[in-house]
Protein backbone atom coordinates (compact mmCIF):
# COMPACT_ATOMS: atom_id res chain seq x y z
CA UNK A 1 -7.45 -14.66 16.30
CA UNK A 2 -7.78 -10.89 16.66
CA UNK A 3 -5.31 -8.44 15.16
CA UNK A 4 -4.58 -7.18 18.64
CA UNK A 5 -3.75 -10.69 19.77
CA UNK A 6 -0.46 -10.45 17.83
CA UNK A 7 0.58 -7.57 20.04
CA UNK A 8 -0.87 -9.17 23.21
CA UNK A 9 1.06 -12.43 22.76
CA UNK A 10 4.26 -10.51 22.24
CA UNK A 11 3.57 -8.51 25.37
CA UNK A 12 3.30 -11.79 27.33
CA UNK A 13 6.53 -13.09 25.93
CA UNK A 14 8.59 -9.86 26.10
CA UNK A 15 6.75 -7.28 28.14
CA UNK A 16 9.74 -5.00 28.65
CA UNK A 17 11.26 -5.25 25.18
CA UNK A 18 10.93 -2.10 23.02
CA UNK A 19 7.99 -2.47 20.69
CA UNK A 20 7.94 1.00 18.99
CA UNK A 21 10.17 3.94 18.50
CA UNK A 22 9.12 7.21 16.98
CA UNK A 23 11.39 10.14 16.89
CA UNK A 24 12.48 10.52 20.58
CA UNK A 25 9.73 8.41 21.96
CA UNK A 26 9.53 4.69 22.75
CA UNK A 27 7.10 2.20 24.13
CA UNK A 28 7.57 -1.32 25.51
CA UNK A 29 5.26 -4.22 24.44
CA UNK A 30 3.47 -4.01 27.75
CA UNK A 31 2.87 -0.24 27.39
CA UNK A 32 1.76 -0.49 23.77
CA UNK A 33 -0.70 -3.23 24.46
CA UNK A 34 -2.13 -1.39 27.45
CA UNK A 35 -2.68 1.67 25.43
CA UNK A 36 -4.35 -0.45 22.67
CA UNK A 37 -6.90 -1.67 25.16
CA UNK A 38 -7.43 1.93 26.48
CA UNK A 39 -8.01 3.13 22.93
CA UNK A 40 -10.52 0.38 22.27
CA UNK A 41 -12.47 1.13 25.44
CA UNK A 42 -12.31 4.82 24.76
CA UNK A 43 -13.84 4.35 21.27
CA UNK A 44 -16.62 2.28 22.69
CA UNK A 45 -17.51 5.29 24.79
CA UNK A 46 -18.03 7.53 21.70
CA UNK A 47 -19.10 5.00 18.98
CA UNK A 48 -20.65 1.61 18.58
CA UNK A 49 -19.28 -1.76 17.45
CA UNK A 50 -19.67 -1.98 13.69
CA UNK A 51 -18.92 1.65 13.18
CA UNK A 52 -16.14 2.86 10.85
CA UNK A 53 -13.33 4.96 12.38
CA UNK A 54 -11.35 6.75 9.64
CA UNK A 55 -7.84 8.03 10.10
CA UNK A 56 -6.21 10.72 7.95
CA UNK A 57 -2.63 11.40 9.11
CA UNK A 58 1.00 10.84 8.26
CA UNK A 59 2.90 8.24 10.33
CA UNK A 60 2.45 8.63 14.10
CA UNK A 61 2.53 6.29 17.04
CA UNK A 62 -1.25 6.85 17.35
CA UNK A 63 -1.69 5.41 13.94
CA UNK A 64 0.01 2.23 15.06
CA UNK A 65 -2.31 2.14 18.09
CA UNK A 66 -5.36 2.51 15.70
CA UNK A 67 -4.12 -0.51 13.73
CA UNK A 68 -4.85 -2.58 16.85
CA UNK A 69 -7.26 -0.57 18.97
CA UNK A 70 -10.01 0.21 16.45
CA UNK A 71 -10.57 -3.41 15.53
CA UNK A 72 -10.37 -4.41 19.20
CA UNK A 73 -13.31 -1.99 19.78
CA UNK A 74 -15.26 -4.01 17.30
CA UNK A 75 -14.96 -1.15 14.69
CA UNK A 76 -13.34 -0.88 11.26
CA UNK A 77 -10.30 1.28 10.80
CA UNK A 78 -10.78 3.11 7.55
CA UNK A 79 -7.51 4.13 5.98
CA UNK A 80 -7.28 7.54 4.14
CA UNK A 81 -4.25 8.22 1.98
CA UNK A 82 -3.04 11.71 2.93
CA UNK A 83 -1.66 12.08 -0.64
CA UNK A 84 -5.27 12.20 -1.99
CA UNK A 85 -6.90 15.59 -2.52
CA UNK A 86 -9.86 16.88 -0.57
CA UNK A 87 -12.36 15.87 -3.26
CA UNK A 88 -11.11 12.26 -3.26
CA UNK A 89 -11.04 12.05 0.50
CA UNK A 90 -14.64 13.37 0.72
CA UNK A 91 -15.80 10.75 -1.70
CA UNK A 92 -14.33 7.95 0.37
CA UNK A 93 -15.77 9.32 3.56
CA UNK A 94 -19.17 9.66 1.90
CA UNK A 95 -18.96 6.00 0.92
CA UNK A 96 -17.56 4.50 4.21
CA UNK A 97 -19.69 6.86 6.48
CA UNK A 98 -17.51 6.78 9.50
CA UNK A 99 -18.73 8.22 12.80
CA UNK A 100 -15.26 9.11 14.11
CA UNK A 101 -12.26 10.58 12.28
CA UNK A 102 -8.76 10.58 13.70
CA UNK A 103 -6.57 13.25 12.18
CA UNK A 104 -3.74 15.78 12.71
CA UNK A 105 -3.64 19.65 12.42
CA UNK A 106 -2.22 19.59 8.92
CA UNK A 107 -5.27 17.67 7.59
CA UNK A 108 -8.05 19.12 9.83
CA UNK A 109 -9.12 21.56 7.07
CA UNK A 110 -9.75 18.70 4.70
CA UNK A 111 -11.85 16.90 7.31
CA UNK A 112 -13.83 20.07 8.08
CA UNK A 113 -14.50 20.55 4.38
CA UNK A 114 -15.63 16.94 4.05
CA UNK A 115 -18.02 17.24 7.06
CA UNK A 116 -20.05 19.78 5.13
CA UNK A 117 -21.38 16.98 3.03
CA UNK A 118 -20.67 13.84 5.13
CA UNK A 119 -23.04 14.01 8.00
CA UNK A 120 -22.12 10.66 9.61
CA UNK A 121 -18.98 12.08 11.31
CA UNK A 122 -19.90 13.19 14.87
CA UNK A 123 -16.50 13.17 16.55
CA UNK A 124 -13.06 14.30 15.38
CA UNK A 125 -10.06 13.14 17.37
CA UNK A 126 -6.87 15.17 17.08
CA UNK A 127 -3.44 13.59 17.33
CA UNK A 128 -1.26 16.56 17.71
CA UNK A 129 -3.21 19.74 18.57
CA UNK A 130 -6.29 21.26 20.23
CA UNK A 131 -9.06 22.54 17.99
CA UNK A 132 -12.63 23.68 18.49
CA UNK A 133 -15.20 20.85 18.55
CA UNK A 134 -12.49 18.18 18.61
CA UNK A 135 -11.14 15.73 21.24
CA UNK A 136 -7.46 15.10 21.87
CA UNK A 137 -6.29 11.54 21.31
CA UNK A 138 -4.05 11.36 24.37
CA UNK A 139 -6.74 12.61 26.75
CA UNK A 140 -9.32 10.30 25.26
CA UNK A 141 -6.98 7.26 25.71
CA UNK A 142 -5.62 8.30 29.23
CA UNK A 143 -9.21 8.45 30.67
CA UNK A 144 -10.28 4.98 29.46
CA UNK A 145 -9.84 1.64 31.41
CA UNK A 146 -7.05 -0.79 30.41
CA UNK A 147 -9.20 -3.94 30.56
CA UNK A 148 -9.21 -5.97 27.37
CA UNK A 149 -12.64 -5.84 25.63
CA UNK A 150 -14.14 -8.73 23.68
CA UNK A 151 -14.26 -8.73 19.85
CA UNK A 152 -15.19 -11.10 16.95
CA UNK A 153 -12.36 -12.20 14.76
CA UNK A 154 -14.65 -12.55 11.76
CA UNK A 155 -15.70 -8.87 12.03
CA UNK A 156 -14.58 -6.15 9.66
CA UNK A 157 -11.30 -4.77 11.01
CA UNK A 158 -9.62 -2.72 8.23
CA UNK A 159 -11.31 -0.91 5.34
CA UNK A 160 -8.73 0.12 2.71
CA UNK A 161 -9.75 1.75 -0.52
CA UNK A 162 -8.20 0.93 -3.84
CA UNK A 163 -8.69 2.99 -7.08
CA UNK A 164 -11.44 1.40 -9.19
CA UNK A 165 -11.13 0.81 -12.96
CA UNK A 166 -14.56 2.57 -13.30
CA UNK A 167 -13.26 5.65 -11.46
CA UNK A 168 -15.01 4.81 -8.19
CA UNK A 169 -12.66 3.72 -5.43
CA UNK A 170 -13.46 0.25 -3.97
CA UNK A 171 -13.22 -0.36 -0.20
CA UNK A 172 -11.57 -3.67 0.44
CA UNK A 173 -12.99 -5.25 3.52
CA UNK A 174 -10.44 -7.10 5.67
CA UNK A 175 -11.39 -9.02 8.75
CA UNK A 176 -9.18 -9.88 11.74
CA UNK A 177 -8.87 -13.32 10.28
CA UNK A 178 -7.75 -11.98 6.89
CA UNK A 179 -5.02 -9.78 8.30
CA UNK A 180 -3.74 -12.33 10.85
CA UNK A 181 -3.56 -14.99 8.12
CA UNK A 182 -1.53 -12.61 5.94
CA UNK A 183 0.88 -11.97 8.82
CA UNK A 184 1.17 -15.74 9.48
CA UNK A 185 1.93 -16.37 5.79
CA UNK A 186 4.64 -13.73 5.63
CA UNK A 187 6.08 -14.69 9.03
CA UNK A 188 6.47 -18.31 7.81
CA UNK A 189 8.66 -17.26 4.81
CA UNK A 190 10.60 -14.18 5.96
CA UNK A 191 14.06 -14.85 7.37
CA UNK A 192 14.12 -13.99 11.02
CA UNK A 193 17.79 -12.99 11.50
CA UNK A 194 18.18 -13.59 15.19
CA UNK A 195 16.74 -12.28 18.49
CA UNK A 196 18.10 -8.69 18.20
CA UNK A 197 16.06 -7.62 15.18
CA UNK A 198 15.52 -3.81 14.83
CA UNK A 199 13.26 -2.92 11.85
CA UNK A 200 13.04 0.40 10.18
CA UNK A 201 9.61 1.12 8.68
CA UNK A 202 9.42 3.93 6.04
CA UNK A 203 6.10 3.15 4.28
CA UNK A 204 3.00 5.27 4.77
CA UNK A 205 0.88 3.58 7.38
CA UNK A 206 -2.15 4.19 5.17
CA UNK A 207 -0.78 1.60 2.73
CA UNK A 208 -1.36 -2.15 2.95
CA UNK A 209 2.41 -2.48 3.38
CA UNK A 210 1.62 -1.42 7.02
CA UNK A 211 0.70 -5.05 7.73
CA UNK A 212 4.51 -5.54 8.06
CA UNK A 213 4.21 -3.55 11.34
CA UNK A 214 2.22 -6.57 12.61
CA UNK A 215 4.84 -8.95 11.24
CA UNK A 216 7.51 -7.18 13.22
CA UNK A 217 5.41 -7.17 16.43
CA UNK A 218 4.52 -10.83 15.99
CA UNK A 219 8.27 -11.55 16.31
CA UNK A 220 8.48 -9.24 19.41
CA UNK A 221 11.06 -7.22 17.45
CA UNK A 222 11.88 -3.54 17.90
CA UNK A 223 10.13 -1.33 15.30
CA UNK A 224 11.31 2.16 14.30
CA UNK A 225 8.66 4.11 12.41
CA UNK A 226 9.51 7.13 10.29
CA UNK A 227 7.03 9.93 9.97
CA UNK A 228 7.69 10.17 6.34
CA UNK A 229 10.40 8.66 4.14
CA UNK A 230 13.50 10.65 3.10
CA UNK A 231 16.82 9.00 2.41
CA UNK A 232 19.01 11.09 4.68
CA UNK A 233 16.83 10.60 7.71
CA UNK A 234 16.59 6.91 6.92
CA UNK A 235 20.36 6.54 7.07
CA UNK A 236 20.56 8.55 10.29
CA UNK A 237 18.02 6.20 11.88
CA UNK A 238 19.86 3.13 10.68
CA UNK A 239 23.05 4.35 12.34
CA UNK A 240 21.40 5.60 15.47
CA UNK A 241 19.33 2.56 16.22
CA UNK A 242 21.63 -0.10 14.84
CA UNK A 243 18.87 -1.19 12.44
CA UNK A 244 19.15 -4.86 11.16
CA UNK A 245 16.15 -5.00 8.91
CA UNK A 246 15.01 -2.45 6.35
CA UNK A 247 12.01 -2.54 4.04
CA UNK A 248 10.66 -0.33 1.18
CA UNK A 249 9.80 0.03 -2.41
CA UNK A 250 12.55 -0.33 -5.10
CA UNK A 251 12.10 3.45 -5.51
CA UNK A 252 13.07 4.13 -1.97
CA UNK A 253 16.15 1.88 -2.33
CA UNK A 254 17.16 3.62 -5.57
CA UNK A 255 16.89 7.05 -3.79
CA UNK A 256 18.88 5.73 -0.88
CA UNK A 257 21.73 4.63 -3.09
CA UNK A 258 21.84 8.02 -4.70
CA UNK A 259 22.11 9.92 -1.36
CA UNK A 260 25.23 12.11 -1.27
CA UNK A 261 27.51 10.92 1.54
CA UNK A 262 25.83 7.57 2.03
CA UNK A 263 29.30 6.05 2.60
CA UNK A 264 29.72 8.24 5.71
CA UNK A 265 26.88 6.40 7.61
CA UNK A 266 27.44 3.17 9.46
CA UNK A 267 25.04 0.68 7.74
CA UNK A 268 27.01 -2.39 8.64
CA UNK A 269 24.26 -3.66 10.99
CA UNK A 270 21.74 -4.17 8.10
CA UNK A 271 21.25 -7.96 7.68
CA UNK A 272 18.03 -8.10 5.71
CA UNK A 273 16.42 -6.01 3.01
CA UNK A 274 12.86 -6.64 2.07
CA UNK A 275 11.03 -4.88 -0.70
CA UNK A 276 7.80 -4.83 -2.62
CA UNK A 277 5.14 -2.88 -4.50
CA UNK A 278 7.18 -2.86 -7.80
CA UNK A 279 9.77 -4.88 -9.69
CA UNK A 280 13.38 -4.54 -8.79
CA UNK A 281 15.72 -3.32 -11.57
CA UNK A 282 18.84 -5.53 -11.83
CA UNK A 283 21.23 -2.63 -11.61
CA UNK A 284 19.58 -1.29 -8.44
CA UNK A 285 19.86 -4.71 -6.89
CA UNK A 286 23.44 -5.08 -7.89
CA UNK A 287 24.39 -1.64 -6.42
CA UNK A 288 22.45 -2.38 -3.22
CA UNK A 289 24.28 -5.70 -2.77
CA UNK A 290 27.60 -3.89 -3.10
CA UNK A 291 26.56 -1.11 -0.66
CA UNK A 292 25.03 -3.52 1.92
CA UNK A 293 27.28 -6.61 1.73
CA UNK A 294 26.03 -8.10 4.97
CA UNK A 295 22.38 -8.10 3.86
CA UNK A 296 20.19 -10.81 2.37
CA UNK A 297 17.38 -9.61 0.03
CA UNK A 298 13.80 -10.82 -0.04
CA UNK A 299 10.74 -9.60 -1.77
CA UNK A 300 6.98 -10.17 -1.63
CA UNK A 301 4.09 -9.74 -4.03
CA UNK A 302 0.53 -9.07 -2.94
CA UNK A 303 -2.30 -6.48 -3.01
CA UNK A 304 -4.73 -4.75 -0.72
CA UNK A 305 -7.42 -7.34 -1.34
CA UNK A 306 -5.05 -10.03 -0.05
CA UNK A 307 -4.22 -8.25 3.22
CA UNK A 308 -0.58 -8.36 2.22
CA UNK A 309 1.71 -10.68 0.26
CA UNK A 310 1.05 -14.14 -1.18
CA UNK A 311 4.21 -14.63 -3.29
CA UNK A 312 7.82 -14.25 -2.34
CA UNK A 313 11.45 -14.45 -3.67
CA UNK A 314 14.11 -15.99 -1.39
CA UNK A 315 17.53 -14.47 -0.65
CA UNK A 316 19.05 -17.18 -2.76
CA UNK A 317 16.88 -16.14 -5.75
CA UNK A 318 18.43 -12.62 -5.53
CA UNK A 319 21.92 -14.01 -5.41
CA UNK A 320 21.16 -16.04 -8.50
CA UNK A 321 19.69 -12.99 -10.14
CA UNK A 322 22.82 -10.88 -9.93
CA UNK A 323 24.88 -13.91 -10.99
CA UNK A 324 23.13 -14.19 -14.33
CA UNK A 325 19.56 -15.33 -13.73
CA UNK A 326 18.20 -11.82 -14.30
CA UNK A 327 14.95 -13.40 -15.55
CA UNK A 328 14.05 -14.15 -11.88
CA UNK A 329 13.56 -10.45 -11.17
CA UNK A 330 10.87 -10.30 -13.87
CA UNK A 331 9.10 -12.91 -11.80
CA UNK A 332 7.26 -12.22 -8.53
CA UNK A 333 8.49 -15.49 -7.04
CA UNK A 334 6.61 -18.55 -5.78
CA UNK A 335 3.47 -18.88 -3.56
CA UNK A 336 3.80 -18.51 0.19
CA UNK A 337 2.85 -21.78 1.99
CA UNK A 338 -0.57 -20.51 3.28
CA UNK A 339 -1.92 -19.32 -0.12
CA UNK A 340 -3.03 -21.05 -3.27
CA UNK A 341 -2.65 -19.56 -6.79
CA UNK A 342 -3.73 -20.51 -10.20
CA UNK A 343 -3.49 -19.00 -13.68
CA UNK A 344 -6.79 -19.46 -15.55
CA UNK A 345 -8.47 -18.71 -18.86
CA UNK A 346 -11.76 -16.84 -19.44
CA UNK A 347 -13.68 -19.98 -18.32
CA UNK A 348 -11.61 -20.20 -15.15
CA UNK A 349 -9.77 -23.32 -16.24
CA UNK A 350 -6.06 -23.72 -15.66
CA UNK A 351 -3.83 -22.79 -18.51
CA UNK A 352 -0.69 -24.75 -19.40
CA UNK A 353 2.78 -23.82 -18.17
CA UNK A 354 4.18 -20.65 -19.85
CA UNK A 355 0.70 -19.61 -21.23
CA UNK A 356 -0.86 -16.42 -20.08
CA UNK A 357 -4.10 -16.23 -18.13
CA UNK A 358 -5.55 -14.39 -15.23
CA UNK A 359 -4.00 -14.85 -11.73
CA UNK A 360 -6.51 -16.08 -9.14
CA UNK A 361 -5.82 -16.65 -5.42
CA UNK A 362 -7.50 -18.46 -2.52
CA UNK A 363 -6.60 -18.45 1.18
CA UNK A 364 -7.76 -17.11 4.53
CA UNK A 365 -6.18 -13.74 3.80
CA UNK A 366 -8.41 -12.98 0.81
CA UNK A 367 -10.71 -10.01 1.31
CA UNK A 368 -14.29 -10.41 2.58
CA UNK A 369 -15.33 -8.36 -0.44
CA UNK A 370 -15.86 -4.77 -1.47
CA UNK A 371 -17.71 -2.34 0.76
CA UNK A 372 -21.28 -1.78 -0.58
CA UNK A 373 -20.39 -3.36 -3.94
CA UNK A 374 -22.07 -6.77 -3.99
CA UNK A 375 -21.82 -7.14 -7.78
CA UNK A 376 -18.12 -6.33 -7.83
CA UNK A 377 -17.60 -8.73 -4.91
CA UNK A 378 -19.40 -11.60 -6.76
CA UNK A 379 -17.44 -11.03 -9.92
CA UNK A 380 -14.11 -10.91 -8.11
CA UNK A 381 -14.90 -14.06 -6.01
CA UNK A 382 -16.48 -16.22 -8.65
CA UNK A 383 -15.83 -19.95 -8.24
CA UNK A 384 -14.40 -19.36 -4.71
CA UNK A 385 -11.18 -17.72 -6.06
CA UNK A 386 -10.21 -14.11 -5.94
CA UNK A 387 -9.71 -12.81 -9.43
CA UNK A 388 -6.86 -10.36 -9.44
CA UNK A 389 -7.22 -8.80 -12.78
CA UNK A 390 -3.57 -9.46 -13.44
CA UNK A 391 -2.45 -11.35 -16.55
CA UNK A 392 0.23 -13.82 -15.58
CA UNK A 393 2.04 -17.04 -16.41
CA UNK A 394 3.73 -19.80 -14.47
CA UNK A 395 6.99 -21.33 -15.62
CA UNK A 396 8.04 -24.98 -15.24
CA UNK A 397 9.87 -24.18 -11.96
CA UNK A 398 6.86 -22.64 -10.37
CA UNK A 399 7.83 -18.98 -10.67
CA UNK A 400 4.98 -16.56 -11.47
CA UNK A 401 5.41 -13.76 -13.96
CA UNK A 402 2.93 -10.82 -14.17
CA UNK A 403 2.71 -10.15 -17.96
CA UNK A 404 0.22 -7.30 -18.06
CA UNK A 405 -2.64 -5.72 -16.07
CA UNK A 406 -6.23 -6.18 -17.03
CA UNK A 407 -6.95 -3.11 -14.90
CA UNK A 408 -4.26 -0.95 -16.72
CA UNK A 409 -2.72 -0.17 -13.35
CA UNK A 410 0.43 1.94 -13.19
CA UNK A 411 2.93 1.42 -10.40
CA UNK A 412 4.70 4.68 -9.51
CA UNK A 413 6.78 4.97 -6.40
CA UNK A 414 4.95 2.09 -4.76
CA UNK A 415 1.48 3.70 -5.30
CA UNK A 416 -1.21 2.25 -7.60
CA UNK A 417 -2.57 4.59 -10.35
CA UNK A 418 -5.47 3.32 -12.46
CA UNK A 419 -5.51 4.82 -15.92
CA UNK A 420 -9.34 4.99 -16.12
CA UNK A 421 -9.56 7.37 -13.17
CA UNK A 422 -7.05 9.78 -14.74
CA UNK A 423 -8.66 9.49 -18.15
CA UNK A 424 -12.03 10.48 -16.72
CA UNK A 425 -10.47 13.72 -15.46
CA UNK A 426 -8.82 14.47 -18.80
CA UNK A 427 -12.16 14.01 -20.64
CA UNK A 428 -13.55 16.96 -18.69
CA UNK A 429 -11.48 19.27 -20.82
CA UNK A 430 -13.28 20.36 -24.05
CA UNK A 431 -10.12 19.98 -26.08
CA UNK A 432 -9.81 16.25 -25.34
CA UNK A 433 -11.64 13.96 -27.81
CA UNK A 434 -9.94 10.73 -26.66
CA UNK A 435 -7.52 10.09 -23.85
CA UNK A 436 -5.41 7.05 -22.94
CA UNK A 437 -3.23 6.97 -19.82
CA UNK A 438 -0.21 4.66 -19.72
CA UNK A 439 2.88 4.09 -17.66
CA UNK A 440 6.41 4.39 -18.99
CA UNK A 441 9.51 3.19 -17.32
CA UNK A 442 11.31 5.49 -14.83
CA UNK A 443 14.51 4.53 -13.13
CA UNK A 444 13.63 6.33 -9.87
CA UNK A 445 9.77 5.82 -9.55
CA UNK A 446 9.45 2.48 -11.47
CA UNK A 447 6.88 4.04 -13.78
CA UNK A 448 5.59 7.55 -14.44
CA UNK A 449 2.11 8.48 -15.65
CA UNK A 450 1.81 9.63 -19.31
CA UNK A 451 -1.31 10.92 -21.02
CA UNK A 452 -1.81 10.37 -24.69
CA UNK A 453 -4.49 12.69 -26.10
CA UNK A 454 -6.46 12.93 -29.34
CA UNK A 455 -7.54 16.62 -29.66
CA UNK A 456 -11.22 17.39 -30.25
CA UNK A 457 -12.53 19.56 -33.09
CA UNK A 458 -12.28 22.57 -30.72
CA UNK A 459 -8.48 22.38 -31.08
CA UNK A 460 -5.71 20.88 -29.00
CA UNK A 461 -5.79 21.53 -25.23
CA UNK A 462 -3.09 23.70 -23.71
CA UNK A 463 -0.77 21.66 -21.49
CA UNK A 464 -1.08 24.26 -18.72
CA UNK A 465 -4.79 23.71 -18.67
CA UNK A 466 -4.41 19.96 -18.45
CA UNK A 467 -1.96 20.33 -15.64
CA UNK A 468 -4.31 22.65 -13.72
CA UNK A 469 -7.25 20.31 -14.22
CA UNK A 470 -5.34 17.28 -12.94
CA UNK A 471 -3.93 19.26 -10.00
CA UNK A 472 -7.45 20.24 -9.01
CA UNK A 473 -8.90 16.77 -9.17
CA UNK A 474 -6.11 14.21 -8.63
CA UNK A 475 -3.51 13.35 -6.02
CA UNK A 476 -0.02 14.30 -6.97
CA UNK A 477 1.24 10.85 -7.72
CA UNK A 478 -1.73 10.24 -10.13
CA UNK A 479 -0.99 13.30 -12.30
CA UNK A 480 0.56 12.76 -15.71
CA UNK A 481 4.16 13.75 -15.91
CA UNK A 482 3.94 14.10 -19.68
CA UNK A 483 1.34 14.83 -22.25
CA UNK A 484 1.57 13.43 -25.85
CA UNK A 485 -0.80 14.68 -28.62
CA UNK A 486 -1.67 12.35 -31.47
CA UNK A 487 -4.01 12.98 -34.43
CA UNK A 488 -5.66 9.65 -33.78
CA UNK A 489 -5.18 6.90 -31.13
CA UNK A 490 -4.47 3.34 -32.42
CA UNK A 491 -7.34 0.98 -32.09
CA UNK A 492 -8.10 -2.63 -32.93
CA UNK A 493 -10.98 -3.94 -35.07
CA UNK A 494 -13.33 -3.73 -32.16
CA UNK A 495 -12.46 -0.07 -31.55
CA UNK A 496 -10.44 -0.61 -28.37
CA UNK A 497 -7.52 1.64 -27.89
CA UNK A 498 -4.22 -0.33 -28.21
CA UNK A 499 -2.27 0.79 -25.14
CA UNK A 500 0.64 -1.48 -25.95
CA UNK A 501 1.27 0.50 -29.14
CA UNK A 502 0.89 3.76 -27.18
CA UNK A 503 3.60 2.64 -24.76
CA UNK A 504 5.91 2.24 -27.81
CA UNK A 505 4.86 5.63 -29.06
CA UNK A 506 5.55 7.21 -25.67
CA UNK A 507 9.10 5.85 -25.70
CA UNK A 508 9.79 7.06 -29.23
CA UNK A 509 8.47 10.51 -28.27
CA UNK A 510 10.31 10.68 -24.95
CA UNK A 511 12.09 14.01 -24.53
CA UNK A 512 15.95 14.02 -24.47
CA UNK A 513 17.25 12.70 -21.11
CA UNK A 514 13.93 11.17 -20.12
């Protein structure tokens, strides 16, 4: 099955139903699928099947079209996170070597800078403005035929980069089959809530969470897409469109609950609240249940390499959690029916119940591998199971608990930050002898990035210089929010830095009110 088939089948069942709303614009399922086919044919006029088509933009209807139309053209949509800086984006473009880039006026300077070193890009398609040596998205699509082209469902469809533990981002290759399997898995477990579903989507479309757009369209539901999340606009859209389903990270929900005047908005239509990307604090859940009494809560756990979620918590689990089973929220739930999980030791043998091992996953939604990284692919896929790098344990009831991260990943505001990448930047300062980056709890963002530094013989680095260095080389969400200086970092007998001890140190040295 092709990714675009999910939209095509909905267009057959409900051609005149509203498929997408964005600001003051809307499209029916018939219109959205027709424009998907036009985009696919237009791309075949400027590129070849097998090419990569990159997109650097905030949320737009054109981004949703690209989800479907680029793979239908036989090409791979390459997601670029607009929160990355120019250096990071150039690195990804140099690795993926797309021939076409879709962007908007705000990010055109970044693309122009990247093209100075990335010679594969021959066409830039503009979403929202005219610019020299570019093509307008609307004109390109309008001029193309609406016939449905042929495509291969085993072909690379989406290429999404994740931060690598060695500092080099890895491109997770997702086929049509991978993505549609993830959608089927989620659709089989998510509560449907009737035939009048209106879903509000606040996530960045450059995030794997965007696969939930396909989940909504598979159900022929109405989808409202925000350009960028902010709590007040979110509440206004809920009231205006009578939204029934909302989704987001716990951080987004926490911000929503703190919005001044939240009680003045009509949120009574909300029947389902889905969340993911980070654990849910019990107090946030309790307050959300009080604020949205008509809603049932669900969550999923997954990752980019899995095309979406493979674990889930039911609405009943959440009710049990606020009624005393708070341990359930430390868990990521149970496996969805179309995925298999195990917890294994270093020899890939199953560990007993309640013992810690590495989480491994198998199923049709597991990535094809990493772009241009055959060794990393072989290591991750050994034995026919995807090795997640997460340390986990299963309890006697089948609930999975993530205990720690082999990759030292920090989850801040729903974004993944890998400590090694930040550490490599800090090591560029002559005043840094050793650096260890950790996450510490934050009630709004889930975790915040903290850098613990052992000064070099040259003397301790000035905090202002470290901030400037990180600002130059890292996206905003990756930058340390706090710097701690220690005479010596704790190590084990093998010389490895003990980050668990550093987390305790960070909490002890937290400034007042942190």
